[in-house]
PDB file of N, CA and C in Angstrom:
ATOM      1  N   MET A   1       0.844  -1.168   0.000  1.00  0.00           N
ATOM      2  CA  MET A   1       0.000   0.000   0.000  1.00  0.00           C
ATOM      3  C   MET A   1       0.894   1.237   0.000  1.00  0.00           C
ATOM      4  N   ILE A   2       0.552   2.183  -0.828  1.00  0.00           N
ATOM      5  CA  ILE A   2       1.317   3.426  -0.919  1.00  0.00           C
ATOM      6  C   ILE A   2       0.951   4.303   0.265  1.00  0.00           C
ATOM      7  N   LYS A   3       1.942   4.835   0.931  1.00  0.00           N
ATOM      8  CA  LYS A   3       1.688   5.710   2.074  1.00  0.00           C
ATOM      9  C   LYS A   3       1.236   7.075   1.593  1.00  0.00           C
ATOM     10  N   ILE A   4       0.442   7.756   2.408  1.00  0.00           N
ATOM     11  CA  ILE A   4      -0.099   9.061   2.028  1.00  0.00           C
ATOM     12  C   ILE A   4       1.003  10.066   1.728  1.00  0.00           C
ATOM     13  N   LYS A   5       2.113   9.972   2.441  1.00  0.00           N
ATOM     14  CA  LYS A   5       3.222  10.902   2.201  1.00  0.00           C
ATOM     15  C   LYS A   5       3.706  10.758   0.760  1.00  0.00           C
ATOM     16  N   ASN A   6       3.820   9.510   0.289  1.00  0.00           N
ATOM     17  CA  ASN A   6       4.251   9.283  -1.085  1.00  0.00           C
ATOM     18  C   ASN A   6       3.199   9.760  -2.073  1.00  0.00           C
ATOM     19  N   ILE A   7       1.926   9.567  -1.746  1.00  0.00           N
ATOM     20  CA  ILE A   7       0.848  10.024  -2.618  1.00  0.00           C
ATOM     21  C   ILE A   7       0.885  11.538  -2.736  1.00  0.00           C
ATOM     22  N   VAL A   8       1.075  12.203  -1.614  1.00  0.00           N
ATOM     23  CA  VAL A   8       1.121  13.662  -1.643  1.00  0.00           C
ATOM     24  C   VAL A   8       2.315  14.134  -2.461  1.00  0.00           C
ATOM     25  N   LYS A   9       3.462  13.486  -2.290  1.00  0.00           N
ATOM     26  CA  LYS A   9       4.640  13.859  -3.073  1.00  0.00           C
ATOM     27  C   LYS A   9       4.369  13.682  -4.567  1.00  0.00           C
ATOM     28  N   ILE A  10       3.767  12.543  -4.926  1.00  0.00           N
ATOM     29  CA  ILE A  10       3.445  12.277  -6.328  1.00  0.00           C
ATOM     30  C   ILE A  10       2.474  13.335  -6.843  1.00  0.00           C
ATOM     31  N   THR A  11       1.486  13.656  -6.017  1.00  0.00           N
ATOM     32  CA  THR A  11       0.488  14.655  -6.391  1.00  0.00           C
ATOM     33  C   THR A  11       1.142  16.006  -6.636  1.00  0.00           C
ATOM     34  N   ILE A  12       1.994  16.404  -5.726  1.00  0.00           N
ATOM     35  CA  ILE A  12       2.664  17.697  -5.858  1.00  0.00           C
ATOM     36  C   ILE A  12       3.507  17.720  -7.131  1.00  0.00           C
ATOM     37  N   VAL A  13       4.251  16.660  -7.369  1.00  0.00           N
ATOM     38  CA  VAL A  13       5.090  16.596  -8.560  1.00  0.00           C
ATOM     39  C   VAL A  13       4.225  16.645  -9.816  1.00  0.00           C
ATOM     40  N   ALA A  14       3.107  15.921  -9.809  1.00  0.00           N
ATOM     41  CA  ALA A  14       2.213  15.923 -10.971  1.00  0.00           C
ATOM     42  C   ALA A  14       1.642  17.316 -11.223  1.00  0.00           C
ATOM     43  N   LEU A  15       1.208  17.970 -10.152  1.00  0.00           N
ATOM     44  CA  LEU A  15       0.664  19.321 -10.308  1.00  0.00           C
ATOM     45  C   LEU A  15       1.722  20.285 -10.810  1.00  0.00           C
ATOM     46  N   MET A  16       2.923  20.161 -10.279  1.00  0.00           N
ATOM     47  CA  MET A  16       3.984  21.061 -10.684  1.00  0.00           C
ATOM     48  C   MET A  16       4.406  20.802 -12.131  1.00  0.00           C
ATOM     49  N   GLY A  17       4.289  19.564 -12.559  1.00  0.00           N
ATOM     50  CA  GLY A  17       4.693  19.198 -13.909  1.00  0.00           C
ATOM     51  C   GLY A  17       3.891  19.890 -14.990  1.00  0.00           C
ATOM     52  N   VAL A  18       2.653  20.249 -14.701  1.00  0.00           N
ATOM     53  CA  VAL A  18       1.819  20.898 -15.710  1.00  0.00           C
ATOM     54  C   VAL A  18       1.937  22.409 -15.688  1.00  0.00           C
ATOM     55  N   LEU A  19       2.674  22.935 -14.756  1.00  0.00           N
ATOM     56  CA  LEU A  19       2.823  24.387 -14.659  1.00  0.00           C
ATOM     57  C   LEU A  19       3.987  24.860 -15.520  1.00  0.00           C
ATOM     58  N   ILE A  20       3.847  26.042 -16.044  1.00  0.00           N
ATOM     59  CA  ILE A  20       4.938  26.673 -16.778  1.00  0.00           C
ATOM     60  C   ILE A  20       5.896  27.263 -15.746  1.00  0.00           C
ATOM     61  N   VAL A  21       7.163  26.947 -15.869  1.00  0.00           N
ATOM     62  CA  VAL A  21       8.156  27.350 -14.881  1.00  0.00           C
ATOM     63  C   VAL A  21       8.176  28.855 -14.659  1.00  0.00           C
ATOM     64  N   ASN A  22       8.040  29.629 -15.697  1.00  0.00           N
ATOM     65  CA  ASN A  22       8.125  31.089 -15.569  1.00  0.00           C
ATOM     66  C   ASN A  22       6.776  31.751 -15.346  1.00  0.00           C
ATOM     67  N   SER A  23       5.765  31.003 -15.029  1.00  0.00           N
ATOM     68  CA  SER A  23       4.435  31.572 -14.843  1.00  0.00           C
ATOM     69  C   SER A  23       4.440  32.568 -13.694  1.00  0.00           C
ATOM     70  N   ASN A  24       3.888  33.757 -13.932  1.00  0.00           N
ATOM     71  CA  ASN A  24       3.817  34.782 -12.902  1.00  0.00           C
ATOM     72  C   ASN A  24       2.860  34.399 -11.785  1.00  0.00           C
ATOM     73  N   SER A  25       1.901  33.514 -12.080  1.00  0.00           N
ATOM     74  CA  SER A  25       0.900  33.159 -11.079  1.00  0.00           C
ATOM     75  C   SER A  25       1.370  32.019 -10.177  1.00  0.00           C
ATOM     76  N   PHE A  26       2.557  31.542 -10.393  1.00  0.00           N
ATOM     77  CA  PHE A  26       3.051  30.416  -9.607  1.00  0.00           C
ATOM     78  C   PHE A  26       4.277  30.816  -8.803  1.00  0.00           C
ATOM     79  N   SER A  27       4.200  30.634  -7.513  1.00  0.00           N
ATOM     80  CA  SER A  27       5.311  30.955  -6.633  1.00  0.00           C
ATOM     81  C   SER A  27       6.241  29.754  -6.511  1.00  0.00           C
ATOM     82  N   ALA A  28       7.531  29.992  -6.613  1.00  0.00           N
ATOM     83  CA  ALA A  28       8.511  28.916  -6.515  1.00  0.00           C
ATOM     84  C   ALA A  28       8.461  28.222  -5.166  1.00  0.00           C
ATOM     85  N   GLY A  29       7.959  28.903  -4.134  1.00  0.00           N
ATOM     86  CA  GLY A  29       7.939  28.321  -2.801  1.00  0.00           C
ATOM     87  C   GLY A  29       6.754  27.428  -2.509  1.00  0.00           C
ATOM     88  N   ILE A  30       5.788  27.341  -3.410  1.00  0.00           N
ATOM     89  CA  ILE A  30       4.586  26.544  -3.147  1.00  0.00           C
ATOM     90  C   ILE A  30       4.940  25.083  -2.915  1.00  0.00           C
ATOM     91  N   LYS A  31       5.741  24.525  -3.781  1.00  0.00           N
ATOM     92  CA  LYS A  31       6.094  23.107  -3.674  1.00  0.00           C
ATOM     93  C   LYS A  31       6.722  22.811  -2.312  1.00  0.00           C
ATOM     94  N   GLU A  32       7.645  23.660  -1.905  1.00  0.00           N
ATOM     95  CA  GLU A  32       8.327  23.447  -0.633  1.00  0.00           C
ATOM     96  C   GLU A  32       7.359  23.582   0.548  1.00  0.00           C
ATOM     97  N   ARG A  33       6.501  24.583   0.482  1.00  0.00           N
ATOM     98  CA  ARG A  33       5.525  24.767   1.570  1.00  0.00           C
ATOM     99  C   ARG A  33       4.568  23.585   1.662  1.00  0.00           C
ATOM    100  N   MET A  34       4.106  23.114   0.515  1.00  0.00           N
ATOM    101  CA  MET A  34       3.170  21.989   0.519  1.00  0.00           C
ATOM    102  C   MET A  34       3.849  20.725   1.067  1.00  0.00           C
ATOM    103  N   LYS A  35       5.070  20.493   0.664  1.00  0.00           N
ATOM    104  CA  LYS A  35       5.796  19.328   1.172  1.00  0.00           C
ATOM    105  C   LYS A  35       5.998  19.418   2.683  1.00  0.00           C
ATOM    106  N   ALA A  36       6.280  20.607   3.176  1.00  0.00           N
ATOM    107  CA  ALA A  36       6.523  20.789   4.607  1.00  0.00           C
ATOM    108  C   ALA A  36       5.267  20.529   5.435  1.00  0.00           C
ATOM    109  N   ARG A  37       4.103  20.760   4.843  1.00  0.00           N
ATOM    110  CA  ARG A  37       2.845  20.555   5.570  1.00  0.00           C
ATOM    111  C   ARG A  37       2.362  19.115   5.560  1.00  0.00           C
ATOM    112  N   VAL A  38       2.931  18.256   4.754  1.00  0.00           N
ATOM    113  CA  VAL A  38       2.457  16.874   4.602  1.00  0.00           C
ATOM    114  C   VAL A  38       2.296  16.150   5.945  1.00  0.00           C
ATOM    115  N   PRO A  39       3.279  16.153   6.832  1.00  0.00           N
ATOM    116  CA  PRO A  39       3.113  15.392   8.081  1.00  0.00           C
ATOM    117  C   PRO A  39       1.932  15.867   8.930  1.00  0.00           C
ATOM    118  N   GLU A  40       1.750  17.176   9.022  1.00  0.00           N
ATOM    119  CA  GLU A  40       0.650  17.684   9.840  1.00  0.00           C
ATOM    120  C   GLU A  40      -0.709  17.396   9.190  1.00  0.00           C
ATOM    121  N   ILE A  41      -0.786  17.538   7.885  1.00  0.00           N
ATOM    122  CA  ILE A  41      -2.042  17.231   7.190  1.00  0.00           C
ATOM    123  C   ILE A  41      -2.370  15.756   7.324  1.00  0.00           C
ATOM    124  N   LYS A  42      -1.362  14.928   7.186  1.00  0.00           N
ATOM    125  CA  LYS A  42      -1.564  13.481   7.345  1.00  0.00           C
ATOM    126  C   LYS A  42      -2.135  13.175   8.732  1.00  0.00           C
ATOM    127  N   ALA A  43      -1.557  13.781   9.763  1.00  0.00           N
ATOM    128  CA  ALA A  43      -2.028  13.556  11.134  1.00  0.00           C
ATOM    129  C   ALA A  43      -3.468  14.049  11.311  1.00  0.00           C
ATOM    130  N   LEU A  44      -3.796  15.202  10.735  1.00  0.00           N
ATOM    131  CA  LEU A  44      -5.156  15.726  10.829  1.00  0.00           C
ATOM    132  C   LEU A  44      -6.155  14.805  10.132  1.00  0.00           C
ATOM    133  N   LYS A  45      -5.772  14.252   8.997  1.00  0.00           N
ATOM    134  CA  LYS A  45      -6.651  13.319   8.278  1.00  0.00           C
ATOM    135  C   LYS A  45      -6.839  12.031   9.079  1.00  0.00           C
ATOM    136  N   GLU A  46      -5.740  11.500   9.585  1.00  0.00           N
ATOM    137  CA  GLU A  46      -5.813  10.249  10.359  1.00  0.00           C
ATOM    138  C   GLU A  46      -6.660  10.415  11.617  1.00  0.00           C
ATOM    139  N   ALA A  47      -6.651  11.607  12.201  1.00  0.00           N
ATOM    140  CA  ALA A  47      -7.428  11.885  13.410  1.00  0.00           C
ATOM    141  C   ALA A  47      -8.888  12.220  13.086  1.00  0.00           C
ATOM    142  N   GLY A  48      -9.223  12.319  11.797  1.00  0.00           N
ATOM    143  CA  GLY A  48     -10.582  12.647  11.405  1.00  0.00           C
ATOM    144  C   GLY A  48     -10.938  14.111  11.596  1.00  0.00           C
ATOM    145  N   VAL A  49      -9.937  14.958  11.724  1.00  0.00           N
ATOM    146  CA  VAL A  49     -10.157  16.387  11.922  1.00  0.00           C
ATOM    147  C   VAL A  49     -10.467  17.070  10.593  1.00  0.00           C
ATOM    148  N   VAL A  50      -9.811  16.632   9.524  1.00  0.00           N
ATOM    149  CA  VAL A  50     -10.041  17.208   8.201  1.00  0.00           C
ATOM    150  C   VAL A  50     -10.329  16.114   7.187  1.00  0.00           C
ATOM    151  N   GLY A  51     -10.994  16.527   6.122  1.00  0.00           N
ATOM    152  CA  GLY A  51     -11.244  15.638   4.998  1.00  0.00           C
ATOM    153  C   GLY A  51     -10.999  16.402   3.716  1.00  0.00           C
ATOM    154  N   GLU A  52     -11.080  15.697   2.610  1.00  0.00           N
ATOM    155  CA  GLU A  52     -10.915  16.297   1.291  1.00  0.00           C
ATOM    156  C   GLU A  52     -12.304  16.563   0.724  1.00  0.00           C
ATOM    157  N   ASN A  53     -12.601  17.831   0.427  1.00  0.00           N
ATOM    158  CA  ASN A  53     -13.929  18.124  -0.099  1.00  0.00           C
ATOM    159  C   ASN A  53     -13.997  17.878  -1.607  1.00  0.00           C
ATOM    160  N   ASN A  54     -15.181  18.041  -2.178  1.00  0.00           N
ATOM    161  CA  ASN A  54     -15.386  17.729  -3.591  1.00  0.00           C
ATOM    162  C   ASN A  54     -14.921  18.841  -4.538  1.00  0.00           C
ATOM    163  N   MET A  55     -14.258  19.838  -3.989  1.00  0.00           N
ATOM    164  CA  MET A  55     -13.709  20.928  -4.800  1.00  0.00           C
ATOM    165  C   MET A  55     -12.177  20.917  -4.813  1.00  0.00           C
ATOM    166  N   GLY A  56     -11.576  19.886  -4.181  1.00  0.00           N
ATOM    167  CA  GLY A  56     -10.127  19.763  -4.192  1.00  0.00           C
ATOM    168  C   GLY A  56      -9.418  20.467  -3.055  1.00  0.00           C
ATOM    169  N   TYR A  57     -10.163  20.768  -1.995  1.00  0.00           N
ATOM    170  CA  TYR A  57      -9.579  21.473  -0.854  1.00  0.00           C
ATOM    171  C   TYR A  57      -9.796  20.681   0.435  1.00  0.00           C
ATOM    172  N   LEU A  58      -8.972  20.976   1.428  1.00  0.00           N
ATOM    173  CA  LEU A  58      -9.153  20.410   2.759  1.00  0.00           C
ATOM    174  C   LEU A  58     -10.308  21.132   3.437  1.00  0.00           C
ATOM    175  N   GLU A  59     -11.014  20.400   4.280  1.00  0.00           N
ATOM    176  CA  GLU A  59     -12.103  21.018   5.029  1.00  0.00           C
ATOM    177  C   GLU A  59     -12.104  20.448   6.439  1.00  0.00           C
ATOM    178  N   ILE A  60     -12.272  21.318   7.405  1.00  0.00           N
ATOM    179  CA  ILE A  60     -12.339  20.904   8.801  1.00  0.00           C
ATOM    180  C   ILE A  60     -13.715  20.303   9.043  1.00  0.00           C
ATOM    181  N   LEU A  61     -13.733  19.159   9.721  1.00  0.00           N
ATOM    182  CA  LEU A  61     -14.967  18.401   9.905  1.00  0.00           C
ATOM    183  C   LEU A  61     -15.581  18.592  11.286  1.00  0.00           C
ATOM    184  N   GLY A  62     -16.872  18.397  11.354  1.00  0.00           N
ATOM    185  CA  GLY A  62     -17.575  18.365  12.628  1.00  0.00           C
ATOM    186  C   GLY A  62     -17.673  19.704  13.316  1.00  0.00           C
ATOM    187  N   ASN A  63     -17.825  19.641  14.617  1.00  0.00           N
ATOM    188  CA  ASN A  63     -18.013  20.841  15.445  1.00  0.00           C
ATOM    189  C   ASN A  63     -16.688  21.370  15.974  1.00  0.00           C
ATOM    190  N   ARG A  64     -15.699  21.373  15.143  1.00  0.00           N
ATOM    191  CA  ARG A  64     -14.387  21.892  15.527  1.00  0.00           C
ATOM    192  C   ARG A  64     -14.279  23.340  15.069  1.00  0.00           C
ATOM    193  N   PRO A  65     -13.401  24.087  15.695  1.00  0.00           N
ATOM    194  CA  PRO A  65     -13.166  25.454  15.207  1.00  0.00           C
ATOM    195  C   PRO A  65     -12.778  25.397  13.729  1.00  0.00           C
ATOM    196  N   LYS A  66     -13.346  26.259  12.935  1.00  0.00           N
ATOM    197  CA  LYS A  66     -13.132  26.223  11.486  1.00  0.00           C
ATOM    198  C   LYS A  66     -11.821  26.879  11.058  1.00  0.00           C
ATOM    199  N   GLN A  67     -11.100  27.471  12.001  1.00  0.00           N
ATOM    200  CA  GLN A  67      -9.831  28.096  11.665  1.00  0.00           C
ATOM    201  C   GLN A  67      -8.682  27.162  12.031  1.00  0.00           C
ATOM    202  N   ASN A  68      -7.864  26.862  11.062  1.00  0.00           N
ATOM    203  CA  ASN A  68      -6.669  26.070  11.265  1.00  0.00           C
ATOM    204  C   ASN A  68      -5.641  26.615  10.290  1.00  0.00           C
ATOM    205  N   ASP A  69      -4.534  27.098  10.813  1.00  0.00           N
ATOM    206  CA  ASP A  69      -3.528  27.748   9.966  1.00  0.00           C
ATOM    207  C   ASP A  69      -2.977  26.828   8.878  1.00  0.00           C
ATOM    208  N   VAL A  70      -2.764  25.554   9.212  1.00  0.00           N
ATOM    209  CA  VAL A  70      -2.221  24.609   8.228  1.00  0.00           C
ATOM    210  C   VAL A  70      -3.221  24.395   7.100  1.00  0.00           C
ATOM    211  N   VAL A  71      -4.489  24.185   7.452  1.00  0.00           N
ATOM    212  CA  VAL A  71      -5.526  23.975   6.442  1.00  0.00           C
ATOM    213  C   VAL A  71      -5.666  25.218   5.568  1.00  0.00           C
ATOM    214  N   ALA A  72      -5.697  26.379   6.181  1.00  0.00           N
ATOM    215  CA  ALA A  72      -5.834  27.626   5.427  1.00  0.00           C
ATOM    216  C   ALA A  72      -4.654  27.824   4.472  1.00  0.00           C
ATOM    217  N   ALA A  73      -3.451  27.563   4.949  1.00  0.00           N
ATOM    218  CA  ALA A  73      -2.261  27.730   4.116  1.00  0.00           C
ATOM    219  C   ALA A  73      -2.260  26.728   2.962  1.00  0.00           C
ATOM    220  N   GLU A  74      -2.618  25.484   3.249  1.00  0.00           N
ATOM    221  CA  GLU A  74      -2.665  24.456   2.202  1.00  0.00           C
ATOM    222  C   GLU A  74      -3.695  24.831   1.140  1.00  0.00           C
ATOM    223  N   ASN A  75      -4.875  25.231   1.578  1.00  0.00           N
ATOM    224  CA  ASN A  75      -5.917  25.585   0.617  1.00  0.00           C
ATOM    225  C   ASN A  75      -5.538  26.814  -0.215  1.00  0.00           C
ATOM    226  N   LYS A  76      -4.852  27.756   0.392  1.00  0.00           N
ATOM    227  CA  LYS A  76      -4.390  28.939  -0.340  1.00  0.00           C
ATOM    228  C   LYS A  76      -3.412  28.535  -1.447  1.00  0.00           C
ATOM    229  N   ASP A  77      -2.476  27.644  -1.105  1.00  0.00           N
ATOM    230  CA  ASP A  77      -1.512  27.182  -2.105  1.00  0.00           C
ATOM    231  C   ASP A  77      -2.188  26.320  -3.170  1.00  0.00           C
ATOM    232  N   ARG A  78      -3.124  25.459  -2.765  1.00  0.00           N
ATOM    233  CA  ARG A  78      -3.846  24.662  -3.758  1.00  0.00           C
ATOM    234  C   ARG A  78      -4.581  25.574  -4.738  1.00  0.00           C
ATOM    235  N   LYS A  79      -5.188  26.629  -4.230  1.00  0.00           N
ATOM    236  CA  LYS A  79      -5.912  27.561  -5.101  1.00  0.00           C
ATOM    237  C   LYS A  79      -4.965  28.189  -6.122  1.00  0.00           C
ATOM    238  N   LYS A  80      -3.771  28.561  -5.678  1.00  0.00           N
ATOM    239  CA  LYS A  80      -2.778  29.126  -6.593  1.00  0.00           C
ATOM    240  C   LYS A  80      -2.394  28.115  -7.673  1.00  0.00           C
ATOM    241  N   VAL A  81      -2.175  26.874  -7.260  1.00  0.00           N
ATOM    242  CA  VAL A  81      -1.807  25.827  -8.213  1.00  0.00           C
ATOM    243  C   VAL A  81      -2.955  25.590  -9.196  1.00  0.00           C
ATOM    244  N   TYR A  82      -4.178  25.457  -8.683  1.00  0.00           N
ATOM    245  CA  TYR A  82      -5.337  25.225  -9.552  1.00  0.00           C
ATOM    246  C   TYR A  82      -5.518  26.384 -10.534  1.00  0.00           C
ATOM    247  N   SER A  83      -5.315  27.601 -10.052  1.00  0.00           N
ATOM    248  CA  SER A  83      -5.459  28.774 -10.921  1.00  0.00           C
ATOM    249  C   SER A  83      -4.414  28.780 -12.031  1.00  0.00           C
ATOM    250  N   ALA A  84      -3.181  28.413 -11.688  1.00  0.00           N
ATOM    251  CA  ALA A  84      -2.116  28.372 -12.693  1.00  0.00           C
ATOM    252  C   ALA A  84      -2.401  27.300 -13.737  1.00  0.00           C
ATOM    253  N   ILE A  85      -2.859  26.133 -13.280  1.00  0.00           N
ATOM    254  CA  ILE A  85      -3.205  25.059 -14.219  1.00  0.00           C
ATOM    255  C   ILE A  85      -4.369  25.493 -15.103  1.00  0.00           C
ATOM    256  N   ALA A  86      -5.373  26.111 -14.486  1.00  0.00           N
ATOM    257  CA  ALA A  86      -6.542  26.568 -15.239  1.00  0.00           C
ATOM    258  C   ALA A  86      -6.142  27.565 -16.325  1.00  0.00           C
ATOM    259  N   LYS A  87      -5.269  28.487 -15.976  1.00  0.00           N
ATOM    260  CA  LYS A  87      -4.808  29.487 -16.943  1.00  0.00           C
ATOM    261  C   LYS A  87      -4.107  28.814 -18.118  1.00  0.00           C
ATOM    262  N   GLN A  88      -3.289  27.840 -17.804  1.00  0.00           N
ATOM    263  CA  GLN A  88      -2.545  27.125 -18.841  1.00  0.00           C
ATOM    264  C   GLN A  88      -3.484  26.323 -19.740  1.00  0.00           C
ATOM    265  N   GLN A  89      -4.546  25.765 -19.154  1.00  0.00           N
ATOM    266  CA  GLN A  89      -5.449  24.891 -19.901  1.00  0.00           C
ATOM    267  C   GLN A  89      -6.679  25.608 -20.444  1.00  0.00           C
ATOM    268  N   GLY A  90      -6.830  26.879 -20.154  1.00  0.00           N
ATOM    269  CA  GLY A  90      -8.007  27.610 -20.601  1.00  0.00           C
ATOM    270  C   GLY A  90      -9.263  27.139 -19.893  1.00  0.00           C
ATOM    271  N   ALA A  91      -9.127  26.805 -18.624  1.00  0.00           N
ATOM    272  CA  ALA A  91     -10.241  26.299 -17.821  1.00  0.00           C
ATOM    273  C   ALA A  91     -10.440  27.234 -16.627  1.00  0.00           C
ATOM    274  N   THR A  92     -11.263  26.800 -15.687  1.00  0.00           N
ATOM    275  CA  THR A  92     -11.440  27.564 -14.454  1.00  0.00           C
ATOM    276  C   THR A  92     -10.742  26.843 -13.315  1.00  0.00           C
ATOM    277  N   ALA A  93     -10.391  27.597 -12.292  1.00  0.00           N
ATOM    278  CA  ALA A  93      -9.772  26.985 -11.109  1.00  0.00           C
ATOM    279  C   ALA A  93     -10.740  26.002 -10.458  1.00  0.00           C
ATOM    280  N   ASP A  94     -12.042  26.318 -10.469  1.00  0.00           N
ATOM    281  CA  ASP A  94     -13.034  25.399  -9.895  1.00  0.00           C
ATOM    282  C   ASP A  94     -13.058  24.063 -10.628  1.00  0.00           C
ATOM    283  N   SER A  95     -12.996  24.102 -11.952  1.00  0.00           N
ATOM    284  CA  SER A  95     -13.026  22.835 -12.702  1.00  0.00           C
ATOM    285  C   SER A  95     -11.758  22.025 -12.454  1.00  0.00           C
ATOM    286  N   VAL A  96     -10.630  22.694 -12.335  1.00  0.00           N
ATOM    287  CA  VAL A  96      -9.376  21.999 -12.018  1.00  0.00           C
ATOM    288  C   VAL A  96      -9.473  21.382 -10.623  1.00  0.00           C
ATOM    289  N   GLY A  97     -10.002  22.135  -9.663  1.00  0.00           N
ATOM    290  CA  GLY A  97     -10.152  21.624  -8.303  1.00  0.00           C
ATOM    291  C   GLY A  97     -11.074  20.414  -8.242  1.00  0.00           C
ATOM    292  N   LYS A  98     -12.166  20.450  -8.985  1.00  0.00           N
ATOM    293  CA  LYS A  98     -13.101  19.314  -9.007  1.00  0.00           C
ATOM    294  C   LYS A  98     -12.434  18.073  -9.594  1.00  0.00           C
ATOM    295  N   ARG A  99     -11.670  18.258 -10.659  1.00  0.00           N
ATOM    296  CA  ARG A  99     -10.938  17.111 -11.237  1.00  0.00           C
ATOM    297  C   ARG A  99      -9.918  16.588 -10.234  1.00  0.00           C
ATOM    298  N   ARG A 100      -9.261  17.501  -9.551  1.00  0.00           N
ATOM    299  CA  ARG A 100      -8.255  17.106  -8.552  1.00  0.00           C
ATOM    300  C   ARG A 100      -8.907  16.362  -7.400  1.00  0.00           C
ATOM    301  N   ALA A 101     -10.107  16.772  -7.007  1.00  0.00           N
ATOM    302  CA  ALA A 101     -10.821  16.092  -5.925  1.00  0.00           C
ATOM    303  C   ALA A 101     -11.078  14.633  -6.282  1.00  0.00           C
ATOM    304  N   ILE A 102     -11.396  14.370  -7.529  1.00  0.00           N
ATOM    305  CA  ILE A 102     -11.629  12.989  -7.982  1.00  0.00           C
ATOM    306  C   ILE A 102     -10.336  12.184  -7.883  1.00  0.00           C
ATOM    307  N   GLN A 103      -9.227  12.791  -8.282  1.00  0.00           N
ATOM    308  CA  GLN A 103      -7.934  12.112  -8.182  1.00  0.00           C
ATOM    309  C   GLN A 103      -7.575  11.839  -6.725  1.00  0.00           C
ATOM    310  N   ILE A 104      -7.775  12.821  -5.876  1.00  0.00           N
ATOM    311  CA  ILE A 104      -7.458  12.667  -4.454  1.00  0.00           C
ATOM    312  C   ILE A 104      -8.296  11.550  -3.850  1.00  0.00           C
ATOM    313  N   ALA A 105      -9.584  11.510  -4.188  1.00  0.00           N
ATOM    314  CA  ALA A 105     -10.482  10.476  -3.647  1.00  0.00           C
ATOM    315  C   ALA A 105      -9.986   9.077  -3.986  1.00  0.00           C
ATOM    316  N   GLY A 106      -9.463   8.920  -5.181  1.00  0.00           N
ATOM    317  CA  GLY A 106      -8.946   7.612  -5.584  1.00  0.00           C
ATOM    318  C   GLY A 106      -7.699   7.189  -4.839  1.00  0.00           C
ATOM    319  N   LYS A 107      -6.996   8.148  -4.269  1.00  0.00           N
ATOM    320  CA  LYS A 107      -5.732   7.863  -3.594  1.00  0.00           C
ATOM    321  C   LYS A 107      -5.816   7.981  -2.072  1.00  0.00           C
ATOM    322  N   THR A 108      -6.993   8.329  -1.576  1.00  0.00           N
ATOM    323  CA  THR A 108      -7.162   8.519  -0.137  1.00  0.00           C
ATOM    324  C   THR A 108      -7.100   7.184   0.593  1.00  0.00           C
ATOM    325  N   ASN A 109      -6.539   7.197   1.786  1.00  0.00           N
ATOM    326  CA  ASN A 109      -6.418   5.983   2.597  1.00  0.00           C
ATOM    327  C   ASN A 109      -7.755   5.609   3.234  1.00  0.00           C
ATOM    328  N   PRO A 110      -7.979   4.308   3.439  1.00  0.00           N
ATOM    329  CA  PRO A 110      -9.194   3.886   4.148  1.00  0.00           C
ATOM    330  C   PRO A 110      -9.282   4.564   5.518  1.00  0.00           C
ATOM    331  N   GLY A 111     -10.501   4.961   5.872  1.00  0.00           N
ATOM    332  CA  GLY A 111     -10.737   5.615   7.153  1.00  0.00           C
ATOM    333  C   GLY A 111     -10.719   7.130   7.080  1.00  0.00           C
ATOM    334  N   GLU A 112     -10.179   7.673   5.998  1.00  0.00           N
ATOM    335  CA  GLU A 112     -10.144   9.124   5.851  1.00  0.00           C
ATOM    336  C   GLU A 112     -11.450   9.614   5.232  1.00  0.00           C
ATOM    337  N   TRP A 113     -11.747  10.879   5.457  1.00  0.00           N
ATOM    338  CA  TRP A 113     -13.026  11.457   5.051  1.00  0.00           C
ATOM    339  C   TRP A 113     -12.938  12.160   3.709  1.00  0.00           C
ATOM    340  N   LEU A 114     -13.981  11.913   2.892  1.00  0.00           N
ATOM    341  CA  LEU A 114     -14.120  12.523   1.576  1.00  0.00           C
ATOM    342  C   LEU A 114     -15.534  13.067   1.432  1.00  0.00           C
ATOM    343  N   GLN A 115     -15.667  14.115   0.672  1.00  0.00           N
ATOM    344  CA  GLN A 115     -16.985  14.637   0.361  1.00  0.00           C
ATOM    345  C   GLN A 115     -17.347  14.159  -1.045  1.00  0.00           C
ATOM    346  N   ASP A 116     -18.496  13.481  -1.171  1.00  0.00           N
ATOM    347  CA  ASP A 116     -18.887  13.000  -2.489  1.00  0.00           C
ATOM    348  C   ASP A 116     -19.419  14.148  -3.341  1.00  0.00           C
ATOM    349  N   LYS A 117     -19.739  13.859  -4.596  1.00  0.00           N
ATOM    350  CA  LYS A 117     -20.172  14.915  -5.524  1.00  0.00           C
ATOM    351  C   LYS A 117     -21.440  15.616  -5.083  1.00  0.00           C
ATOM    352  N   ASP A 118     -22.239  14.953  -4.232  1.00  0.00           N
ATOM    353  CA  ASP A 118     -23.479  15.552  -3.732  1.00  0.00           C
ATOM    354  C   ASP A 118     -23.284  16.315  -2.425  1.00  0.00           C
ATOM    355  N   GLY A 119     -22.054  16.354  -1.915  1.00  0.00           N
ATOM    356  CA  GLY A 119     -21.756  17.107  -0.705  1.00  0.00           C
ATOM    357  C   GLY A 119     -21.835  16.288   0.584  1.00  0.00           C
ATOM    358  N   LYS A 120     -22.091  15.000   0.481  1.00  0.00           N
ATOM    359  CA  LYS A 120     -22.175  14.122   1.659  1.00  0.00           C
ATOM    360  C   LYS A 120     -20.760  13.658   2.039  1.00  0.00           C
ATOM    361  N   TRP A 121     -20.478  13.705   3.358  1.00  0.00           N
ATOM    362  CA  TRP A 121     -19.186  13.249   3.844  1.00  0.00           C
ATOM    363  C   TRP A 121     -19.234  11.751   4.106  1.00  0.00           C
ATOM    364  N   VAL A 122     -18.246  11.031   3.564  1.00  0.00           N
ATOM    365  CA  VAL A 122     -18.158   9.583   3.726  1.00  0.00           C
ATOM    366  C   VAL A 122     -16.736   9.211   4.117  1.00  0.00           C
ATOM    367  N   GLN A 123     -16.641   8.162   4.891  1.00  0.00           N
ATOM    368  CA  GLN A 123     -15.333   7.646   5.268  1.00  0.00           C
ATOM    369  C   GLN A 123     -14.947   6.577   4.249  1.00  0.00           C
ATOM    370  N   LYS A 124     -13.778   6.708   3.667  1.00  0.00           N
ATOM    371  CA  LYS A 124     -13.340   5.736   2.664  1.00  0.00           C
ATOM    372  C   LYS A 124     -13.150   4.379   3.307  1.00  0.00           C
ATOM    373  N   LYS A 125     -13.655   3.382   2.649  1.00  0.00           N
ATOM    374  CA  LYS A 125     -13.546   1.998   3.149  1.00  0.00           C
ATOM    375  C   LYS A 125     -12.371   1.300   2.534  1.00  0.00           C
TER     376      LYS A 125
END
């Protein structure tokens, strides 16, 4: 079984691969920041604190405080990446995020939370 850390690394590399290196909308530090957050995001997912929503972003679950600096920072960087990909492909950031959510769902570990296309939260089996 592939560990989530490896999946995230593969995901980051795949996302970065479609970006134009000199793109003004892409910060060189995004990749490094996203990699640095992997352990904390992994722990939050394993604890059931966050899940992956159907738009390609992390979301805090349940009756927990909705502010989390790691989640906010990750989602901000994901938005930048999705926007850069969208610009390159002539699409919208929302459509890129939705496609990414489908990819993430396929790679999510059992027990982690996902939001289906109808907005219902389910635990991956």
